[in-house]
Amino acid sequence: MDISNNSNIRGAFASGLQGVQRGSEQVTQASSDIANLNSESAQGNSAGVNLTDSVVDLKTGALGVEASAKVLDVANDTLGTLLDTFA
């Protein structure tokens, strides 16, 4: 078996990393929205920010990071198995 064409493993790592980054950005944005909610409400500029939506976005982002981290873990295990088997 030729393992020199490792584009699938690279793709798994890239996908996992991208998912972690996107989830992290979503968590950061939702956290910022929640933190600023009271100050914006006091000033009257809530601009459509909703606490419920922000909490859901926070949880969704966190779950996305967790799932993507599992993708990275499986890709890492797979690469380790390939190296153990063929190296």
C-alpha atoms as a PDB file:
ATOM      1  CA  MET A   1       0.000   0.000   0.000  1.00  0.00           C
ATOM      2  CA  ASP A   2       1.366   3.396  -0.988  1.00  0.00           C
ATOM      3  CA  ILE A   3       0.910   5.944   1.786  1.00  0.00           C
ATOM      4  CA  SER A   4       2.753   8.723  -0.032  1.00  0.00           C
ATOM      5  CA  ASN A   5      -0.571  10.107  -1.305  1.00  0.00           C
ATOM      6  CA  ASN A   6      -1.870  11.306   2.034  1.00  0.00           C
ATOM      7  CA  SER A   7      -4.321  13.910   0.779  1.00  0.00           C
ATOM      8  CA  ASN A   8      -7.191  12.290   2.690  1.00  0.00           C
ATOM      9  CA  ILE A   9      -5.341  12.597   5.988  1.00  0.00           C
ATOM     10  CA  ARG A  10      -4.327  16.176   5.154  1.00  0.00           C
ATOM     11  CA  GLY A  11      -7.954  16.893   4.271  1.00  0.00           C
ATOM     12  CA  ALA A  12      -9.139  15.495   7.595  1.00  0.00           C
ATOM     13  CA  PHE A  13      -6.639  17.637   9.494  1.00  0.00           C
ATOM     14  CA  ALA A  14      -7.584  20.725   7.459  1.00  0.00           C
ATOM     15  CA  SER A  15     -11.294  20.107   7.966  1.00  0.00           C
ATOM     16  CA  GLY A  16     -10.872  19.574  11.694  1.00  0.00           C
ATOM     17  CA  LEU A  17      -8.740  22.680  12.079  1.00  0.00           C
ATOM     18  CA  GLN A  18     -11.163  24.785  10.064  1.00  0.00           C
ATOM     19  CA  GLY A  19     -14.049  23.531  12.205  1.00  0.00           C
ATOM     20  CA  VAL A  20     -12.215  24.409  15.412  1.00  0.00           C
ATOM     21  CA  GLN A  21     -11.467  27.894  14.076  1.00  0.00           C
ATOM     22  CA  ARG A  22     -15.051  28.521  12.968  1.00  0.00           C
ATOM     23  CA  GLY A  23     -16.474  27.214  16.229  1.00  0.00           C
ATOM     24  CA  SER A  24     -14.042  29.342  18.197  1.00  0.00           C
ATOM     25  CA  GLU A  25     -15.048  32.427  16.222  1.00  0.00           C
ATOM     26  CA  GLN A  26     -18.722  31.641  16.871  1.00  0.00           C
ATOM     27  CA  VAL A  27     -18.074  31.234  20.605  1.00  0.00           C
ATOM     28  CA  THR A  28     -16.117  34.493  20.680  1.00  0.00           C
ATOM     29  CA  GLN A  29     -18.872  36.404  18.881  1.00  0.00           C
ATOM     30  CA  ALA A  30     -21.648  34.945  21.032  1.00  0.00           C
ATOM     31  CA  SER A  31     -19.683  35.654  24.214  1.00  0.00           C
ATOM     32  CA  SER A  32     -19.109  39.222  23.119  1.00  0.00           C
ATOM     33  CA  ASP A  33     -22.798  39.652  22.295  1.00  0.00           C
ATOM     34  CA  ILE A  34     -23.799  38.322  25.713  1.00  0.00           C
ATOM     35  CA  ALA A  35     -21.232  40.457  27.535  1.00  0.00           C
ATOM     36  CA  ASN A  36     -22.340  43.606  25.739  1.00  0.00           C
ATOM     37  CA  LEU A  37     -26.062  42.917  25.977  1.00  0.00           C
ATOM     38  CA  ASN A  38     -26.629  44.834  29.223  1.00  0.00           C
ATOM     39  CA  SER A  39     -24.566  47.854  28.228  1.00  0.00           C
ATOM     40  CA  GLU A  40     -26.244  48.046  24.805  1.00  0.00           C
ATOM     41  CA  SER A  41     -29.716  47.671  26.327  1.00  0.00           C
ATOM     42  CA  ALA A  42     -29.006  50.473  28.784  1.00  0.00           C
ATOM     43  CA  GLN A  43     -27.976  52.710  25.890  1.00  0.00           C
ATOM     44  CA  GLY A  44     -30.853  51.563  23.718  1.00  0.00           C
ATOM     45  CA  ASN A  45     -28.673  50.089  20.924  1.00  0.00           C
ATOM     46  CA  SER A  46     -29.309  46.378  21.301  1.00  0.00           C
ATOM     47  CA  ALA A  47     -29.355  46.149  17.460  1.00  0.00           C
ATOM     48  CA  GLY A  48     -31.300  42.920  17.413  1.00  0.00           C
ATOM     49  CA  VAL A  49     -29.015  41.027  19.819  1.00  0.00           C
ATOM     50  CA  ASN A  50     -31.090  38.441  21.637  1.00  0.00           C
ATOM     51  CA  LEU A  51     -29.867  36.645  24.757  1.00  0.00           C
ATOM     52  CA  THR A  52     -31.523  33.361  23.787  1.00  0.00           C
ATOM     53  CA  ASP A  53     -30.017  33.395  20.298  1.00  0.00           C
ATOM     54  CA  SER A  54     -26.597  34.281  21.682  1.00  0.00           C
ATOM     55  CA  VAL A  55     -26.694  31.435  24.215  1.00  0.00           C
ATOM     56  CA  VAL A  56     -27.729  28.993  21.474  1.00  0.00           C
ATOM     57  CA  ASP A  57     -24.893  30.293  19.266  1.00  0.00           C
ATOM     58  CA  LEU A  58     -22.477  29.888  22.176  1.00  0.00           C
ATOM     59  CA  LYS A  59     -23.489  26.261  22.716  1.00  0.00           C
ATOM     60  CA  THR A  60     -23.510  25.512  18.971  1.00  0.00           C
ATOM     61  CA  GLY A  61     -20.010  26.920  18.606  1.00  0.00           C
ATOM     62  CA  ALA A  62     -18.769  24.915  21.575  1.00  0.00           C
ATOM     63  CA  LEU A  63     -20.257  21.702  20.165  1.00  0.00           C
ATOM     64  CA  GLY A  64     -18.690  22.490  16.787  1.00  0.00           C
ATOM     65  CA  VAL A  65     -15.272  22.864  18.398  1.00  0.00           C
ATOM     66  CA  GLU A  66     -15.759  19.596  20.275  1.00  0.00           C
ATOM     67  CA  ALA A  67     -16.794  17.702  17.136  1.00  0.00           C
ATOM     68  CA  SER A  68     -13.924  19.145  15.114  1.00  0.00           C
ATOM     69  CA  ALA A  69     -11.470  18.247  17.865  1.00  0.00           C
ATOM     70  CA  LYS A  70     -12.710  14.660  17.598  1.00  0.00           C
ATOM     71  CA  VAL A  71     -12.065  14.769  13.835  1.00  0.00           C
ATOM     72  CA  LEU A  72      -8.506  15.918  14.555  1.00  0.00           C
ATOM     73  CA  ASP A  73      -8.082  13.174  17.150  1.00  0.00           C
ATOM     74  CA  VAL A  74      -9.240  10.460  14.742  1.00  0.00           C
ATOM     75  CA  ALA A  75      -7.028  11.821  11.948  1.00  0.00           C
ATOM     76  CA  ASN A  76      -4.082  11.832  14.341  1.00  0.00           C
ATOM     77  CA  ASP A  77      -4.795   8.254  15.442  1.00  0.00           C
ATOM     78  CA  THR A  78      -5.139   7.154  11.817  1.00  0.00           C
ATOM     79  CA  LEU A  79      -1.842   8.765  10.869  1.00  0.00           C
ATOM     80  CA  GLY A  80      -0.174   7.134  13.855  1.00  0.00           C
ATOM     81  CA  THR A  81      -1.540   3.733  12.846  1.00  0.00           C
ATOM     82  CA  LEU A  82      -0.320   4.206   9.277  1.00  0.00           C
ATOM     83  CA  LEU A  83       3.142   5.171  10.487  1.00  0.00           C
ATOM     84  CA  ASP A  84       3.276   2.213  12.862  1.00  0.00           C
ATOM     85  CA  THR A  85       2.155  -0.145  10.109  1.00  0.00           C
ATOM     86  CA  PHE A  86       4.215   1.058   7.166  1.00  0.00           C
ATOM     87  CA  ALA A  87       7.245   2.837   8.618  1.00  0.00           C
END
